[in-house]
Each structure stands twice: as structure tokens, then as C-alpha cells.
């Protein structure tokens, strides 16, 4: 298959592009390198430094590429970026996350792409009752949540109007390899592990009782493959159905490292902070998805790779 991965130099994108290439597919990556790094991409994967906001060049690439499937991972992908001033203008969020997504769908429609699998986020649930399920009412509160949820609405319009096949994946807390380039925007599993390997105390904003549904990258990749190879359409939670407190995460890393490093607690600067997440995954399980890597196993895998 000929496959395009947008945002393919980033964390999930590069892992997916490399995995698809290893499976024998002809893979092309586009990325504007806002946060991703070209060195994340394996040899054999074609790379174009291109933004999803560049409509003419996108159209040209799609018409020449003859792509069968598109995985759309390109996004301003972290709510703290807005707070930190990494992407301070709300227009940046809509340009990339909304207009860029629409550009991808238009180009896919024009060039005969069979299916588009795109990234959404569990953050759209924004404090709904646990476990989060796809039928819950969505009331996004941040630019990140709003723009990713708008993707889902636009995808539904293209499905109803044009008969396009689309699957949106609401990722929970994905962690794993190829994440170092994200720095302070990386998943907390990786950030804590990086610090504690150096003997440093990890920072926890709050008291550490907040919970997250942590998903290892290999399981996230499997969800993408299923979205391509099965009749999955609509939106799907991609998580484990199990959550851990941040205090439990620190304890697991200590146990794995054989250390006794205590975290440093700080006041949380984020407004609309979500205290707890937990994925209901019964919908995606119907298509064969079963998370295989526990948090304990994922930590060991990251250590063995270092």
C-alpha cells in the first residue's frame, strides 16, 4: 500500500511511519518540523518538509502520490503549549488543527484515498464521568480540545456529504520510544523516567493522586493498523481501560530502577486541569483491539531500549 503519514516526524507519527515501512508498505511522511525531528524517521521512508496548511503543495503531493491510506497525526498537540507561549495565537491552533485537517480531507477526496485515520484526543472529555465513553456529551474547554473536537465534526460532515471513510482515534496518555524531542511536552511516564534515571526528583503538579490511563506506543500503533485494515469508522477511544495515580507511577519507576526517589510537588498552573482519565474501550475491542503492554512492562521496555 501507498501510505501518507502527516506529522510523521513526531512521536506517534514517526513510530507509525517506521512500523508501516517495516511491514512492507510504501510510506511518505510530511512534517513542518515544528516539534518533530527528521532523525526520528527510518531509512526507506520518504520525507517532505511540508505543512498541512500549504494547500497547493498538499494537492500536488496527493495527486502525484496516489496514496491508498492517510494517517493524519499533524497537530499542535499539547494544551500546555498554549500556556507556555509555544503557540500563543489561537489562530495558530485553528490554522493547523482545523484548516490543516480540512486541507487533508479535501486532498484525500480529490485523489481517491480509501480511508483517512486521524488523531483526536481523550482531552475532549474534559472531566466527564469515568470511564470515558464515545457516546458521552462533549464540552471542550481549551483551544486544544476545541480544535481536535472540531476535527471530529468536520470528519462527520465529509462522511455524510461525500461518503468518505474516516476513523478518529481519541488517544489517552501515549508514551514510548521516539519521544525525547518533545522535551517538557512528552508524556509523564517518559519525563519521570528520564529524571529518575539521573537520580533527580520528578515534578508533580498537585498532590499526585490524579490518575491517567497510560498507553504504550506499540498498542497505539496496533489501533492505527486496525483502523486501516478493519471497517472501523467514527471515533474510538485508544487506551487501556486501567488508570494509575502519578504517585503510583513514581513508585513503579522506583521499583524498576531499584531507587527510592521522592517526587517534588508543585502547584498546578493549568486552568481546566483534568484530574482523572480512564478509557472505556468496549467499542474498539469489537474490532480486535486488546492492549498488551502493562505500565510496568512499558517502563521496562523503555529502560531496555536506552
C-alpha atoms as a PDB file:
ATOM      1  CA  UNK A   1       0.000   0.000   0.000  1.00  0.00           C
ATOM      2  CA  UNK A   2       0.999   3.615  -0.565  1.00  0.00           C
ATOM      3  CA  UNK A   3       0.518   5.447   2.721  1.00  0.00           C
ATOM      4  CA  UNK A   4       0.942   9.067   3.795  1.00  0.00           C
ATOM      5  CA  UNK A   5       1.628   9.972   7.432  1.00  0.00           C
ATOM      6  CA  UNK A   6       1.246  13.649   8.308  1.00  0.00           C
ATOM      7  CA  UNK A   7       3.180  14.825  11.336  1.00  0.00           C
ATOM      8  CA  UNK A   8       5.309  11.791  10.643  1.00  0.00           C
ATOM      9  CA  UNK A   9       8.476  13.165  12.245  1.00  0.00           C
ATOM     10  CA  UNK A  10       6.786  13.449  15.624  1.00  0.00           C
ATOM     11  CA  UNK A  11       6.354  10.889  18.378  1.00  0.00           C
ATOM     12  CA  UNK A  12       3.370   8.771  17.323  1.00  0.00           C
ATOM     13  CA  UNK A  13       3.739   9.752  13.662  1.00  0.00           C
ATOM     14  CA  UNK A  14       7.333   8.582  13.256  1.00  0.00           C
ATOM     15  CA  UNK A  15       6.676   5.380  15.201  1.00  0.00           C
ATOM     16  CA  UNK A  16       3.726   4.652  12.919  1.00  0.00           C
ATOM     17  CA  UNK A  17       5.571   5.537   9.704  1.00  0.00           C
ATOM     18  CA  UNK A  18       8.527   3.350  10.635  1.00  0.00           C
ATOM     19  CA  UNK A  19       6.255   0.452  11.622  1.00  0.00           C
ATOM     20  CA  UNK A  20       4.285   0.663   8.376  1.00  0.00           C
ATOM     21  CA  UNK A  21       7.518   0.711   6.380  1.00  0.00           C
ATOM     22  CA  UNK A  22       8.758  -2.376   8.247  1.00  0.00           C
ATOM     23  CA  UNK A  23       5.525  -4.120   7.261  1.00  0.00           C
ATOM     24  CA  UNK A  24       6.379  -3.574   3.606  1.00  0.00           C
ATOM     25  CA  UNK A  25       4.258  -0.528   2.778  1.00  0.00           C
ATOM     26  CA  UNK A  26       5.485   2.427   0.700  1.00  0.00           C
ATOM     27  CA  UNK A  27       5.402   5.245   3.241  1.00  0.00           C
ATOM     28  CA  UNK A  28       5.645   9.004   2.740  1.00  0.00           C
ATOM     29  CA  UNK A  29       5.930  11.464   5.632  1.00  0.00           C
ATOM     30  CA  UNK A  30       5.205  15.169   5.682  1.00  0.00           C
ATOM     31  CA  UNK A  31       6.076  17.351   8.659  1.00  0.00           C
ATOM     32  CA  UNK A  32       6.883  21.046   9.126  1.00  0.00           C
ATOM     33  CA  UNK A  33       9.299  20.104  11.961  1.00  0.00           C
ATOM     34  CA  UNK A  34       7.555  22.437  14.403  1.00  0.00           C
ATOM     35  CA  UNK A  35       8.165  19.832  17.090  1.00  0.00           C
ATOM     36  CA  UNK A  36       9.151  16.657  15.220  1.00  0.00           C
ATOM     37  CA  UNK A  37      12.640  15.698  14.137  1.00  0.00           C
ATOM     38  CA  UNK A  38      13.680  14.240  10.791  1.00  0.00           C
ATOM     39  CA  UNK A  39      16.074  11.836  12.539  1.00  0.00           C
ATOM     40  CA  UNK A  40      13.062  10.045  14.036  1.00  0.00           C
ATOM     41  CA  UNK A  41      12.224   8.711  10.570  1.00  0.00           C
ATOM     42  CA  UNK A  42      13.734   5.418   9.430  1.00  0.00           C
ATOM     43  CA  UNK A  43      15.572   4.921   6.153  1.00  0.00           C
ATOM     44  CA  UNK A  44      13.233   3.848   3.404  1.00  0.00           C
ATOM     45  CA  UNK A  45      10.528   6.333   4.435  1.00  0.00           C
ATOM     46  CA  UNK A  46      10.187   9.293   2.072  1.00  0.00           C
ATOM     47  CA  UNK A  47      10.145  12.688   3.754  1.00  0.00           C
ATOM     48  CA  UNK A  48       8.841  16.071   2.607  1.00  0.00           C
ATOM     49  CA  UNK A  49       9.188  19.216   4.786  1.00  0.00           C
ATOM     50  CA  UNK A  50       5.651  20.421   4.268  1.00  0.00           C
ATOM     51  CA  UNK A  51       2.931  21.998   6.398  1.00  0.00           C
ATOM     52  CA  UNK A  52      -0.663  20.808   6.241  1.00  0.00           C
ATOM     53  CA  UNK A  53      -1.610  24.485   5.899  1.00  0.00           C
ATOM     54  CA  UNK A  54       0.053  24.667   2.441  1.00  0.00           C
ATOM     55  CA  UNK A  55      -2.971  23.717   0.342  1.00  0.00           C
ATOM     56  CA  UNK A  56      -1.439  23.979  -3.176  1.00  0.00           C
ATOM     57  CA  UNK A  57       1.611  21.856  -2.343  1.00  0.00           C
ATOM     58  CA  UNK A  58      -0.547  19.337  -0.495  1.00  0.00           C
ATOM     59  CA  UNK A  59      -2.817  18.948  -3.501  1.00  0.00           C
ATOM     60  CA  UNK A  60       0.190  18.450  -5.767  1.00  0.00           C
ATOM     61  CA  UNK A  61       1.669  15.824  -3.448  1.00  0.00           C
ATOM     62  CA  UNK A  62      -1.607  13.908  -3.192  1.00  0.00           C
ATOM     63  CA  UNK A  63      -2.212  13.890  -6.941  1.00  0.00           C
ATOM     64  CA  UNK A  64       1.310  12.581  -7.585  1.00  0.00           C
ATOM     65  CA  UNK A  65       1.436  10.230  -4.605  1.00  0.00           C
ATOM     66  CA  UNK A  66      -1.543   8.016  -5.352  1.00  0.00           C
ATOM     67  CA  UNK A  67      -1.974   7.274  -1.649  1.00  0.00           C
ATOM     68  CA  UNK A  68      -4.252   4.447  -0.591  1.00  0.00           C
ATOM     69  CA  UNK A  69      -4.453   5.484   3.065  1.00  0.00           C
ATOM     70  CA  UNK A  70      -3.684   8.632   5.042  1.00  0.00           C
ATOM     71  CA  UNK A  71      -2.811   8.754   8.728  1.00  0.00           C
ATOM     72  CA  UNK A  72      -3.228  12.334   9.912  1.00  0.00           C
ATOM     73  CA  UNK A  73      -1.113  12.968  13.032  1.00  0.00           C
ATOM     74  CA  UNK A  74      -0.095  16.573  12.291  1.00  0.00           C
ATOM     75  CA  UNK A  75      -1.318  18.885  15.041  1.00  0.00           C
ATOM     76  CA  UNK A  76      -0.440  21.399  17.678  1.00  0.00           C
ATOM     77  CA  UNK A  77      -0.778  18.585  20.116  1.00  0.00           C
ATOM     78  CA  UNK A  78      -0.384  19.734  23.697  1.00  0.00           C
ATOM     79  CA  UNK A  79      -2.558  22.049  25.782  1.00  0.00           C
ATOM     80  CA  UNK A  80       0.449  23.362  27.800  1.00  0.00           C
ATOM     81  CA  UNK A  81       1.892  24.812  24.584  1.00  0.00           C
ATOM     82  CA  UNK A  82      -0.812  27.454  24.748  1.00  0.00           C
ATOM     83  CA  UNK A  83       0.099  28.330  28.335  1.00  0.00           C
ATOM     84  CA  UNK A  84       3.836  28.329  27.608  1.00  0.00           C
ATOM     85  CA  UNK A  85       3.511  30.612  24.610  1.00  0.00           C
ATOM     86  CA  UNK A  86       4.801  27.975  22.189  1.00  0.00           C
ATOM     87  CA  UNK A  87       1.727  28.594  20.075  1.00  0.00           C
ATOM     88  CA  UNK A  88       0.280  31.770  21.649  1.00  0.00           C
ATOM     89  CA  UNK A  89      -2.156  32.847  18.957  1.00  0.00           C
ATOM     90  CA  UNK A  90      -5.487  30.982  18.820  1.00  0.00           C
ATOM     91  CA  UNK A  91      -5.270  31.324  15.038  1.00  0.00           C
ATOM     92  CA  UNK A  92      -2.253  29.002  15.073  1.00  0.00           C
ATOM     93  CA  UNK A  93      -4.409  26.282  16.598  1.00  0.00           C
ATOM     94  CA  UNK A  94      -7.219  26.667  14.076  1.00  0.00           C
ATOM     95  CA  UNK A  95      -4.830  27.013  11.114  1.00  0.00           C
ATOM     96  CA  UNK A  96      -3.086  23.711  11.856  1.00  0.00           C
ATOM     97  CA  UNK A  97      -5.636  21.621  13.706  1.00  0.00           C
ATOM     98  CA  UNK A  98      -8.777  22.641  11.804  1.00  0.00           C
ATOM     99  CA  UNK A  99      -7.871  24.175   8.436  1.00  0.00           C
ATOM    100  CA  UNK A 100      -4.934  21.793   8.027  1.00  0.00           C
ATOM    101  CA  UNK A 101      -7.206  18.830   8.690  1.00  0.00           C
ATOM    102  CA  UNK A 102      -9.761  20.113   6.176  1.00  0.00           C
ATOM    103  CA  UNK A 103      -6.983  20.508   3.609  1.00  0.00           C
ATOM    104  CA  UNK A 104      -6.019  16.863   4.143  1.00  0.00           C
ATOM    105  CA  UNK A 105      -9.607  15.699   3.707  1.00  0.00           C
ATOM    106  CA  UNK A 106     -10.090  17.766   0.534  1.00  0.00           C
ATOM    107  CA  UNK A 107      -6.869  16.420  -0.969  1.00  0.00           C
ATOM    108  CA  UNK A 108      -7.778  12.866   0.053  1.00  0.00           C
ATOM    109  CA  UNK A 109     -11.209  13.190  -1.540  1.00  0.00           C
ATOM    110  CA  UNK A 110      -9.804  14.645  -4.760  1.00  0.00           C
ATOM    111  CA  UNK A 111      -7.121  11.948  -5.112  1.00  0.00           C
ATOM    112  CA  UNK A 112      -9.239   8.907  -4.251  1.00  0.00           C
ATOM    113  CA  UNK A 113      -7.763   7.972  -0.860  1.00  0.00           C
ATOM    114  CA  UNK A 114      -9.560   4.903   0.503  1.00  0.00           C
ATOM    115  CA  UNK A 115      -9.621   5.967   4.141  1.00  0.00           C
ATOM    116  CA  UNK A 116      -8.291   8.668   6.467  1.00  0.00           C
ATOM    117  CA  UNK A 117      -7.331   7.747  10.035  1.00  0.00           C
ATOM    118  CA  UNK A 118      -6.829  10.858  12.143  1.00  0.00           C
ATOM    119  CA  UNK A 119      -5.696  11.799  15.632  1.00  0.00           C
ATOM    120  CA  UNK A 120      -8.116  13.150  18.180  1.00  0.00           C
ATOM    121  CA  UNK A 121      -7.636  13.213  21.948  1.00  0.00           C
ATOM    122  CA  UNK A 122      -9.168  11.972  25.174  1.00  0.00           C
ATOM    123  CA  UNK A 123      -8.863  15.567  26.408  1.00  0.00           C
ATOM    124  CA  UNK A 124     -12.162  16.341  24.649  1.00  0.00           C
ATOM    125  CA  UNK A 125     -13.947  14.555  27.514  1.00  0.00           C
ATOM    126  CA  UNK A 126     -12.686  17.329  29.814  1.00  0.00           C
ATOM    127  CA  UNK A 127     -13.775  15.915  33.159  1.00  0.00           C
ATOM    128  CA  UNK A 128     -16.766  13.775  32.125  1.00  0.00           C
ATOM    129  CA  UNK A 129     -17.736  10.840  34.378  1.00  0.00           C
ATOM    130  CA  UNK A 130     -15.365   7.859  34.275  1.00  0.00           C
ATOM    131  CA  UNK A 131     -14.845   5.727  32.334  1.00  0.00           C
ATOM    132  CA  UNK A 132     -14.958   7.953  29.279  1.00  0.00           C
ATOM    133  CA  UNK A 133     -17.134   6.511  26.522  1.00  0.00           C
ATOM    134  CA  UNK A 134     -17.629   7.683  22.962  1.00  0.00           C
ATOM    135  CA  UNK A 135     -21.344   8.379  23.479  1.00  0.00           C
ATOM    136  CA  UNK A 136     -20.764  10.998  26.205  1.00  0.00           C
ATOM    137  CA  UNK A 137     -21.591  14.657  25.588  1.00  0.00           C
ATOM    138  CA  UNK A 138     -18.505  16.650  24.647  1.00  0.00           C
ATOM    139  CA  UNK A 139     -17.981  20.169  26.025  1.00  0.00           C
ATOM    140  CA  UNK A 140     -14.369  21.177  25.254  1.00  0.00           C
ATOM    141  CA  UNK A 141     -12.824  23.942  27.364  1.00  0.00           C
ATOM    142  CA  UNK A 142      -9.410  24.740  25.800  1.00  0.00           C
ATOM    143  CA  UNK A 143      -8.224  25.594  22.293  1.00  0.00           C
ATOM    144  CA  UNK A 144      -6.565  22.193  22.119  1.00  0.00           C
ATOM    145  CA  UNK A 145      -9.780  20.374  22.990  1.00  0.00           C
ATOM    146  CA  UNK A 146     -11.940  22.590  20.775  1.00  0.00           C
ATOM    147  CA  UNK A 147      -9.797  22.220  17.667  1.00  0.00           C
ATOM    148  CA  UNK A 148      -9.422  18.447  17.999  1.00  0.00           C
ATOM    149  CA  UNK A 149     -13.158  18.025  18.586  1.00  0.00           C
ATOM    150  CA  UNK A 150     -13.925  20.197  15.546  1.00  0.00           C
ATOM    151  CA  UNK A 151     -11.916  17.673  13.532  1.00  0.00           C
ATOM    152  CA  UNK A 152     -14.396  15.008  14.519  1.00  0.00           C
ATOM    153  CA  UNK A 153     -17.325  17.196  13.441  1.00  0.00           C
ATOM    154  CA  UNK A 154     -15.687  18.001  10.102  1.00  0.00           C
ATOM    155  CA  UNK A 155     -14.935  14.326   9.538  1.00  0.00           C
ATOM    156  CA  UNK A 156     -18.595  13.503  10.078  1.00  0.00           C
ATOM    157  CA  UNK A 157     -19.621  16.108   7.505  1.00  0.00           C
ATOM    158  CA  UNK A 158     -17.243  14.585   4.927  1.00  0.00           C
ATOM    159  CA  UNK A 159     -18.604  11.134   5.730  1.00  0.00           C
ATOM    160  CA  UNK A 160     -22.227  12.193   5.295  1.00  0.00           C
ATOM    161  CA  UNK A 161     -21.678  14.507   2.320  1.00  0.00           C
ATOM    162  CA  UNK A 162     -19.048  12.619   0.344  1.00  0.00           C
ATOM    163  CA  UNK A 163     -19.220   9.059   1.650  1.00  0.00           C
ATOM    164  CA  UNK A 164     -15.617   9.223   2.848  1.00  0.00           C
ATOM    165  CA  UNK A 165     -14.332   6.546   5.178  1.00  0.00           C
ATOM    166  CA  UNK A 166     -12.794   8.051   8.314  1.00  0.00           C
ATOM    167  CA  UNK A 167     -11.717   6.837  11.743  1.00  0.00           C
ATOM    168  CA  UNK A 168     -10.790   9.208  14.558  1.00  0.00           C
ATOM    169  CA  UNK A 169      -8.657   7.928  17.430  1.00  0.00           C
ATOM    170  CA  UNK A 170      -9.085   9.594  20.817  1.00  0.00           C
ATOM    171  CA  UNK A 171      -5.656   8.861  22.260  1.00  0.00           C
ATOM    172  CA  UNK A 172      -5.204   8.654  26.002  1.00  0.00           C
ATOM    173  CA  UNK A 173      -1.741   9.122  27.597  1.00  0.00           C
ATOM    174  CA  UNK A 174       0.538   7.545  24.985  1.00  0.00           C
ATOM    175  CA  UNK A 175       4.207   7.076  25.915  1.00  0.00           C
ATOM    176  CA  UNK A 176       7.137   5.210  24.416  1.00  0.00           C
ATOM    177  CA  UNK A 177      10.096   5.398  22.054  1.00  0.00           C
ATOM    178  CA  UNK A 178      10.981   8.399  19.841  1.00  0.00           C
ATOM    179  CA  UNK A 179       9.691  10.865  22.434  1.00  0.00           C
ATOM    180  CA  UNK A 180      12.835  12.703  23.546  1.00  0.00           C
ATOM    181  CA  UNK A 181      12.366  15.520  21.026  1.00  0.00           C
ATOM    182  CA  UNK A 182       9.165  16.567  22.826  1.00  0.00           C
ATOM    183  CA  UNK A 183      11.038  17.581  25.971  1.00  0.00           C
ATOM    184  CA  UNK A 184       8.652  19.052  28.549  1.00  0.00           C
ATOM    185  CA  UNK A 185       5.689  18.152  26.335  1.00  0.00           C
ATOM    186  CA  UNK A 186       6.484  14.436  26.462  1.00  0.00           C
ATOM    187  CA  UNK A 187       4.273  12.017  28.366  1.00  0.00           C
ATOM    188  CA  UNK A 188       4.764  11.972  32.132  1.00  0.00           C
ATOM    189  CA  UNK A 189       5.968   8.358  32.061  1.00  0.00           C
ATOM    190  CA  UNK A 190       8.892   9.376  29.879  1.00  0.00           C
ATOM    191  CA  UNK A 191       9.582  12.614  31.733  1.00  0.00           C
ATOM    192  CA  UNK A 192       9.604  10.917  35.133  1.00  0.00           C
ATOM    193  CA  UNK A 193      11.794   8.084  33.850  1.00  0.00           C
ATOM    194  CA  UNK A 194      14.313  10.460  32.276  1.00  0.00           C
ATOM    195  CA  UNK A 195      14.652  12.398  35.524  1.00  0.00           C
ATOM    196  CA  UNK A 196      14.767   9.429  37.875  1.00  0.00           C
ATOM    197  CA  UNK A 197      17.413   7.618  35.804  1.00  0.00           C
ATOM    198  CA  UNK A 198      19.623  10.629  36.571  1.00  0.00           C
ATOM    199  CA  UNK A 199      18.747  10.463  40.267  1.00  0.00           C
ATOM    200  CA  UNK A 200      16.573  13.575  40.013  1.00  0.00           C
ATOM    201  CA  UNK A 201      13.174  14.108  41.636  1.00  0.00           C
ATOM    202  CA  UNK A 202      10.284  14.219  39.163  1.00  0.00           C
ATOM    203  CA  UNK A 203       7.945  17.218  39.379  1.00  0.00           C
ATOM    204  CA  UNK A 204       4.290  16.530  40.109  1.00  0.00           C
ATOM    205  CA  UNK A 205       1.810  19.378  39.778  1.00  0.00           C
ATOM    206  CA  UNK A 206      -0.732  18.753  42.523  1.00  0.00           C
ATOM    207  CA  UNK A 207      -0.632  16.009  45.151  1.00  0.00           C
ATOM    208  CA  UNK A 208      -0.005  13.050  42.839  1.00  0.00           C
ATOM    209  CA  UNK A 209      -3.439  11.478  43.312  1.00  0.00           C
ATOM    210  CA  UNK A 210      -4.545  12.484  39.834  1.00  0.00           C
ATOM    211  CA  UNK A 211      -4.873   9.474  37.518  1.00  0.00           C
ATOM    212  CA  UNK A 212      -4.044   8.755  33.901  1.00  0.00           C
ATOM    213  CA  UNK A 213      -4.730   5.884  31.510  1.00  0.00           C
ATOM    214  CA  UNK A 214      -1.198   5.291  30.176  1.00  0.00           C
ATOM    215  CA  UNK A 215      -0.912   3.555  26.776  1.00  0.00           C
ATOM    216  CA  UNK A 216       2.343   2.164  25.390  1.00  0.00           C
ATOM    217  CA  UNK A 217       3.203   3.240  21.850  1.00  0.00           C
ATOM    218  CA  UNK A 218       3.091  -0.311  20.440  1.00  0.00           C
ATOM    219  CA  UNK A 219      -0.556  -0.625  21.456  1.00  0.00           C
ATOM    220  CA  UNK A 220      -1.327   2.782  19.948  1.00  0.00           C
ATOM    221  CA  UNK A 221       0.229   1.606  16.678  1.00  0.00           C
ATOM    222  CA  UNK A 222      -1.900  -1.533  16.722  1.00  0.00           C
ATOM    223  CA  UNK A 223      -5.026   0.620  16.994  1.00  0.00           C
ATOM    224  CA  UNK A 224      -3.934   2.507  13.866  1.00  0.00           C
ATOM    225  CA  UNK A 225      -3.321  -0.699  11.929  1.00  0.00           C
ATOM    226  CA  UNK A 226      -6.766  -1.974  12.911  1.00  0.00           C
ATOM    227  CA  UNK A 227      -8.306   1.310  11.764  1.00  0.00           C
ATOM    228  CA  UNK A 228      -6.733   0.716   8.350  1.00  0.00           C
ATOM    229  CA  UNK A 229      -7.477  -2.999   7.997  1.00  0.00           C
ATOM    230  CA  UNK A 230     -10.980  -3.255   9.524  1.00  0.00           C
ATOM    231  CA  UNK A 231     -14.286  -1.422   8.872  1.00  0.00           C
ATOM    232  CA  UNK A 232     -13.684   0.951  11.810  1.00  0.00           C
ATOM    233  CA  UNK A 233     -15.456   4.272  11.207  1.00  0.00           C
ATOM    234  CA  UNK A 234     -16.364   7.073  13.584  1.00  0.00           C
ATOM    235  CA  UNK A 235     -14.449   7.901  16.767  1.00  0.00           C
ATOM    236  CA  UNK A 236     -12.764   5.429  19.099  1.00  0.00           C
ATOM    237  CA  UNK A 237     -11.056   5.608  22.475  1.00  0.00           C
ATOM    238  CA  UNK A 238      -7.499   4.306  22.382  1.00  0.00           C
ATOM    239  CA  UNK A 239      -6.436   3.469  25.919  1.00  0.00           C
ATOM    240  CA  UNK A 240      -6.030   0.516  28.254  1.00  0.00           C
ATOM    241  CA  UNK A 241      -9.080   0.698  30.498  1.00  0.00           C
ATOM    242  CA  UNK A 242      -6.751   0.921  33.518  1.00  0.00           C
ATOM    243  CA  UNK A 243      -5.518   4.047  35.288  1.00  0.00           C
ATOM    244  CA  UNK A 244      -2.697   4.847  37.706  1.00  0.00           C
ATOM    245  CA  UNK A 245      -2.078   7.765  40.030  1.00  0.00           C
ATOM    246  CA  UNK A 246       1.084   9.753  39.420  1.00  0.00           C
ATOM    247  CA  UNK A 247       2.282   8.633  42.837  1.00  0.00           C
ATOM    248  CA  UNK A 248       1.846   5.019  41.719  1.00  0.00           C
ATOM    249  CA  UNK A 249       3.778   5.815  38.532  1.00  0.00           C
ATOM    250  CA  UNK A 250       6.721   7.138  40.574  1.00  0.00           C
ATOM    251  CA  UNK A 251       6.597   4.038  42.791  1.00  0.00           C
ATOM    252  CA  UNK A 252       6.675   1.723  39.754  1.00  0.00           C
ATOM    253  CA  UNK A 253       9.686   3.525  38.281  1.00  0.00           C
ATOM    254  CA  UNK A 254      11.452   3.372  41.650  1.00  0.00           C
ATOM    255  CA  UNK A 255      10.752  -0.352  41.850  1.00  0.00           C
ATOM    256  CA  UNK A 256      12.102  -0.903  38.349  1.00  0.00           C
ATOM    257  CA  UNK A 257      15.235   1.214  38.909  1.00  0.00           C
ATOM    258  CA  UNK A 258      15.829  -0.034  42.442  1.00  0.00           C
ATOM    259  CA  UNK A 259      15.733   3.518  43.751  1.00  0.00           C
ATOM    260  CA  UNK A 260      13.788   5.472  46.353  1.00  0.00           C
ATOM    261  CA  UNK A 261      13.397   8.901  44.786  1.00  0.00           C
ATOM    262  CA  UNK A 262      10.565  11.040  46.087  1.00  0.00           C
ATOM    263  CA  UNK A 263       8.756  13.491  43.802  1.00  0.00           C
ATOM    264  CA  UNK A 264       8.656  17.249  44.245  1.00  0.00           C
ATOM    265  CA  UNK A 265       5.095  18.562  44.442  1.00  0.00           C
ATOM    266  CA  UNK A 266       4.229  21.920  42.904  1.00  0.00           C
ATOM    267  CA  UNK A 267       1.088  23.968  42.468  1.00  0.00           C
ATOM    268  CA  UNK A 268      -0.601  23.235  39.168  1.00  0.00           C
ATOM    269  CA  UNK A 269      -0.538  26.323  36.882  1.00  0.00           C
ATOM    270  CA  UNK A 270      -3.091  24.954  34.395  1.00  0.00           C
ATOM    271  CA  UNK A 271      -6.709  26.024  34.383  1.00  0.00           C
ATOM    272  CA  UNK A 272      -9.330  23.423  33.408  1.00  0.00           C
ATOM    273  CA  UNK A 273      -6.905  20.711  34.510  1.00  0.00           C
ATOM    274  CA  UNK A 274      -8.382  17.226  34.183  1.00  0.00           C
ATOM    275  CA  UNK A 275      -7.754  15.281  37.371  1.00  0.00           C
ATOM    276  CA  UNK A 276      -8.646  11.788  36.171  1.00  0.00           C
ATOM    277  CA  UNK A 277      -8.827   9.871  32.892  1.00  0.00           C
ATOM    278  CA  UNK A 278      -9.925   6.321  32.154  1.00  0.00           C
ATOM    279  CA  UNK A 279     -10.787   4.902  28.748  1.00  0.00           C
ATOM    280  CA  UNK A 280     -13.845   2.839  28.081  1.00  0.00           C
ATOM    281  CA  UNK A 281     -12.579   0.629  25.233  1.00  0.00           C
ATOM    282  CA  UNK A 282     -15.507  -1.682  24.519  1.00  0.00           C
ATOM    283  CA  UNK A 283     -16.146  -0.001  21.143  1.00  0.00           C
ATOM    284  CA  UNK A 284     -12.648  -0.523  19.723  1.00  0.00           C
ATOM    285  CA  UNK A 285     -12.420  -4.005  21.249  1.00  0.00           C
ATOM    286  CA  UNK A 286     -15.156  -5.103  18.829  1.00  0.00           C
ATOM    287  CA  UNK A 287     -12.589  -4.649  16.048  1.00  0.00           C
ATOM    288  CA  UNK A 288      -9.939  -6.765  17.757  1.00  0.00           C
ATOM    289  CA  UNK A 289      -8.088  -4.203  19.856  1.00  0.00           C
ATOM    290  CA  UNK A 290      -6.565  -5.519  23.068  1.00  0.00           C
ATOM    291  CA  UNK A 291      -3.839  -3.529  24.840  1.00  0.00           C
ATOM    292  CA  UNK A 292      -0.949  -5.885  25.508  1.00  0.00           C
ATOM    293  CA  UNK A 293       1.698  -3.826  27.336  1.00  0.00           C
ATOM    294  CA  UNK A 294       1.130  -3.019  31.010  1.00  0.00           C
ATOM    295  CA  UNK A 295       2.613   0.116  32.522  1.00  0.00           C
ATOM    296  CA  UNK A 296       5.203  -1.992  34.358  1.00  0.00           C
ATOM    297  CA  UNK A 297       6.197  -3.712  31.103  1.00  0.00           C
ATOM    298  CA  UNK A 298       6.298  -0.413  29.222  1.00  0.00           C
ATOM    299  CA  UNK A 299       8.693   1.099  31.742  1.00  0.00           C
ATOM    300  CA  UNK A 300      10.995  -1.917  31.423  1.00  0.00           C
ATOM    301  CA  UNK A 301      10.880  -1.717  27.621  1.00  0.00           C
ATOM    302  CA  UNK A 302      11.913   1.941  27.692  1.00  0.00           C
ATOM    303  CA  UNK A 303      14.779   1.139  30.035  1.00  0.00           C
ATOM    304  CA  UNK A 304      15.984  -1.761  27.905  1.00  0.00           C
ATOM    305  CA  UNK A 305      15.972   0.463  24.803  1.00  0.00           C
ATOM    306  CA  UNK A 306      18.143   3.145  26.403  1.00  0.00           C
END
